[in-house]
Amino acid sequence: MLPKLGVVLAIWINCAWSQEEKFSPPPAGINGWPDKPYDKVVGYQFANPEKGSFIVNGSLDLDKLPDLKRKESVLTEKQVTELLEATFATGSNRSGALCYDPHHIIVFYSKSNPVGAIEICFQCSGVRSWPENKATWWHTNFGDLGKITTSLGLGTDPPSEQKPAPISPKPSPTLPPAPPFR
């Protein structure tokens, strides 16, 4: 009787641990982005004293992120799906201002290496993605994006030590190029 109880207990413990939620990303089916597999997605709020961008000329350069980041949070599978839908699969059509002074970036990692990123400026409703996905051009649902970053504890504002002066939104057909971080 005792050996049977031990076997049952071992099976129960194994089942309990195997119920742990594992991250399984959605397929690259939201407008085909990202086009590479990933195993972890992290959102960051960062200071941007130089008004630069981590995405410049089709490249992603995160060298300065460790020094500039103020908050970070790992996204759940559900949050990743919501993020991709809000960024790439919405019919929302809005224009933005010209500031493009981003303070949020969501990075998609595969084995600790970046394979995709979505950079967001909530002040001007600007978004850039790496690799580039033209579905972001004026079709992003910023209300939903703001809910996601707020639920992650990243908010929608720049870090408190760096809040820009208020801007008046002016429609623009394209975002101006942002300088790289120096």
Protein backbone atom coordinates (compact mmCIF):
# COMPACT_ATOMS: atom_id res chain seq x y z
CA MET A 1 0.00 0.00 0.00
CA LEU A 2 2.78 2.43 0.90
CA PRO A 3 4.59 2.04 -2.47
CA LYS A 4 1.32 2.71 -4.33
CA LEU A 5 0.78 5.87 -2.29
CA GLY A 6 4.32 7.00 -3.17
CA VAL A 7 3.68 6.46 -6.88
CA VAL A 8 0.38 8.37 -6.72
CA LEU A 9 2.06 11.19 -4.79
CA ALA A 10 4.92 11.37 -7.33
CA ILE A 11 2.46 11.52 -10.24
CA TRP A 12 0.43 14.25 -8.49
CA ILE A 13 3.54 16.36 -7.79
CA ASN A 14 4.74 15.98 -11.40
CA CYS A 15 1.31 17.01 -12.72
CA ALA A 16 1.17 20.03 -10.40
CA TRP A 17 4.57 21.28 -11.58
CA SER A 18 3.83 20.62 -15.22
CA GLN A 19 0.76 22.89 -14.99
CA GLU A 20 3.10 25.86 -14.63
CA GLU A 21 2.30 28.39 -17.37
CA LYS A 22 4.89 28.32 -20.12
CA PHE A 23 5.35 31.11 -22.62
CA SER A 24 4.34 29.97 -26.08
CA PRO A 25 4.31 32.92 -28.45
CA PRO A 26 1.60 33.30 -31.04
CA PRO A 27 2.65 32.35 -34.56
CA ALA A 28 4.10 35.13 -36.70
CA GLY A 29 0.66 35.64 -38.15
CA ILE A 30 -0.20 39.18 -37.10
CA ASN A 31 0.75 40.73 -40.40
CA GLY A 32 3.72 38.34 -40.39
CA TRP A 33 5.53 40.15 -37.58
CA PRO A 34 7.86 39.27 -36.02
CA ASP A 35 9.17 37.01 -38.72
CA LYS A 36 11.44 35.03 -36.36
CA PRO A 37 10.58 32.84 -33.38
CA TYR A 38 10.94 34.36 -29.92
CA ASP A 39 10.81 33.04 -26.37
CA LYS A 40 10.61 36.19 -24.23
CA VAL A 41 9.16 39.68 -24.64
CA VAL A 42 10.19 42.56 -22.35
CA GLY A 43 8.75 46.07 -22.19
CA TYR A 44 10.94 48.99 -21.12
CA GLN A 45 10.30 52.60 -20.17
CA PHE A 46 13.43 54.67 -20.74
CA ALA A 47 14.79 58.19 -20.38
CA ASN A 48 15.54 59.87 -23.68
CA PRO A 49 17.59 63.01 -23.03
CA GLU A 50 18.94 63.06 -26.60
CA LYS A 51 15.51 62.49 -28.21
CA GLY A 52 17.06 59.55 -30.02
CA SER A 53 15.75 56.21 -31.23
CA PHE A 54 16.94 52.65 -30.77
CA ILE A 55 15.72 51.93 -34.33
CA VAL A 56 17.71 53.83 -36.96
CA ASN A 57 18.19 53.10 -40.66
CA GLY A 58 16.63 49.66 -40.40
CA SER A 59 18.83 48.56 -37.49
CA LEU A 60 18.25 48.02 -33.78
CA ASP A 61 20.94 49.27 -31.41
CA LEU A 62 20.21 48.58 -27.73
CA ASP A 63 23.70 49.42 -26.41
CA LYS A 64 22.44 52.40 -24.38
CA LEU A 65 19.27 50.70 -23.07
CA PRO A 66 20.88 49.44 -19.82
CA ASP A 67 21.84 53.03 -18.90
CA LEU A 68 18.59 54.66 -20.06
CA LYS A 69 15.97 52.16 -18.85
CA ARG A 70 13.92 53.20 -15.84
CA LYS A 71 11.40 50.34 -15.67
CA GLU A 72 11.03 46.93 -17.27
CA SER A 73 8.43 44.18 -17.29
CA VAL A 74 8.10 40.77 -18.95
CA LEU A 75 4.94 40.32 -21.02
CA THR A 76 2.66 37.30 -20.74
CA GLU A 77 1.52 35.39 -23.81
CA LYS A 78 -1.85 37.19 -23.65
CA GLN A 79 -0.19 40.62 -23.40
CA VAL A 80 2.03 39.81 -26.41
CA THR A 81 -1.02 38.90 -28.49
CA GLU A 82 -2.80 42.10 -27.41
CA LEU A 83 0.34 44.14 -28.18
CA LEU A 84 0.69 42.68 -31.68
CA GLU A 85 -3.00 43.22 -32.41
CA ALA A 86 -2.94 46.82 -31.16
CA THR A 87 0.21 47.58 -33.14
CA PHE A 88 -0.32 45.73 -36.41
CA ALA A 89 -3.86 44.39 -36.81
CA THR A 90 -6.05 47.38 -36.12
CA GLY A 91 -8.12 49.34 -38.61
CA SER A 92 -7.57 52.52 -36.62
CA ASN A 93 -6.32 55.33 -38.83
CA ARG A 94 -4.72 58.24 -37.02
CA SER A 95 -2.01 60.71 -37.68
CA GLY A 96 0.66 61.90 -35.31
CA ALA A 97 2.73 64.93 -34.47
CA LEU A 98 6.31 65.47 -35.48
CA CYS A 99 8.11 65.10 -32.15
CA TYR A 100 8.98 61.36 -32.13
CA ASP A 101 10.61 61.33 -28.71
CA PRO A 102 10.00 57.68 -27.69
CA HIS A 103 10.15 56.52 -24.08
CA HIS A 104 8.89 52.94 -24.46
CA ILE A 105 10.24 49.94 -26.33
CA ILE A 106 9.05 46.35 -26.36
CA VAL A 107 11.81 43.91 -27.31
CA PHE A 108 11.24 40.35 -28.57
CA TYR A 109 14.09 37.99 -27.64
CA SER A 110 15.14 34.55 -28.81
CA LYS A 111 17.72 32.98 -26.52
CA SER A 112 18.53 36.46 -25.11
CA ASN A 113 19.13 37.95 -28.59
CA PRO A 114 16.74 40.60 -29.95
CA VAL A 115 14.71 39.45 -32.97
CA GLY A 116 12.14 42.26 -32.99
CA ALA A 117 11.24 45.53 -31.31
CA ILE A 118 8.36 47.99 -31.17
CA GLU A 119 9.34 51.53 -30.13
CA ILE A 120 6.55 53.89 -29.02
CA CYS A 121 6.17 57.65 -28.59
CA PHE A 122 2.87 58.21 -26.79
CA GLN A 123 3.33 62.00 -26.99
CA CYS A 124 3.03 62.09 -30.80
CA SER A 125 1.36 58.72 -31.48
CA GLY A 126 4.44 57.47 -33.29
CA VAL A 127 5.56 53.85 -33.59
CA ARG A 128 8.56 52.22 -35.21
CA SER A 129 9.23 48.53 -35.51
CA TRP A 130 12.32 46.49 -36.19
CA PRO A 131 12.28 44.76 -38.51
CA GLU A 132 10.10 47.37 -40.15
CA ASN A 133 6.44 46.53 -40.65
CA LYS A 134 4.54 49.11 -42.66
CA ALA A 135 1.32 48.02 -40.94
CA THR A 136 2.37 50.35 -38.10
CA TRP A 137 2.09 53.42 -40.31
CA TRP A 138 -0.87 55.26 -38.81
CA HIS A 139 -2.84 52.11 -38.03
CA THR A 140 -1.86 51.56 -34.40
CA ASN A 141 -4.45 51.58 -31.62
CA PHE A 142 -2.71 53.79 -29.03
CA GLY A 143 -5.57 53.44 -26.53
CA ASP A 144 -4.97 49.69 -26.37
CA LEU A 145 -1.18 50.14 -26.40
CA GLY A 146 -1.50 52.50 -23.44
CA LYS A 147 -3.60 49.96 -21.53
CA ILE A 148 -0.94 47.32 -22.13
CA THR A 149 2.03 49.47 -21.04
CA THR A 150 0.05 50.71 -18.03
CA SER A 151 -0.81 47.12 -17.00
CA LEU A 152 2.92 46.36 -17.20
CA GLY A 153 3.68 49.21 -14.78
CA LEU A 154 5.42 51.22 -17.53
CA GLY A 155 2.69 53.85 -17.96
CA THR A 156 2.46 56.04 -21.04
CA ASP A 157 4.46 59.06 -19.85
CA PRO A 158 8.19 59.66 -20.04
CA PRO A 159 10.05 58.89 -16.80
CA SER A 160 9.25 61.54 -14.18
CA GLU A 161 12.76 63.04 -14.36
CA GLN A 162 12.24 63.81 -18.04
CA LYS A 163 8.78 65.08 -18.98
CA PRO A 164 8.70 67.13 -22.18
CA ALA A 165 6.85 70.38 -22.64
CA PRO A 166 3.30 69.84 -23.94
CA ILE A 167 3.02 69.68 -27.72
CA SER A 168 0.12 70.44 -29.99
CA PRO A 169 -0.47 67.50 -32.34
CA LYS A 170 -0.14 68.28 -36.03
CA PRO A 171 -0.94 65.64 -38.63
CA SER A 172 2.04 64.42 -40.58
CA PRO A 173 2.21 61.90 -43.42
CA THR A 174 5.52 60.45 -42.19
CA LEU A 175 7.68 60.45 -39.10
CA PRO A 176 10.88 62.49 -39.29
CA PRO A 177 14.09 60.52 -38.92
CA ALA A 178 15.23 60.29 -35.32
CA PRO A 179 18.92 60.60 -34.56
CA PRO A 180 20.71 57.53 -33.20
CA PHE A 181 21.78 57.50 -29.57
CA ARG A 182 25.36 58.71 -29.29
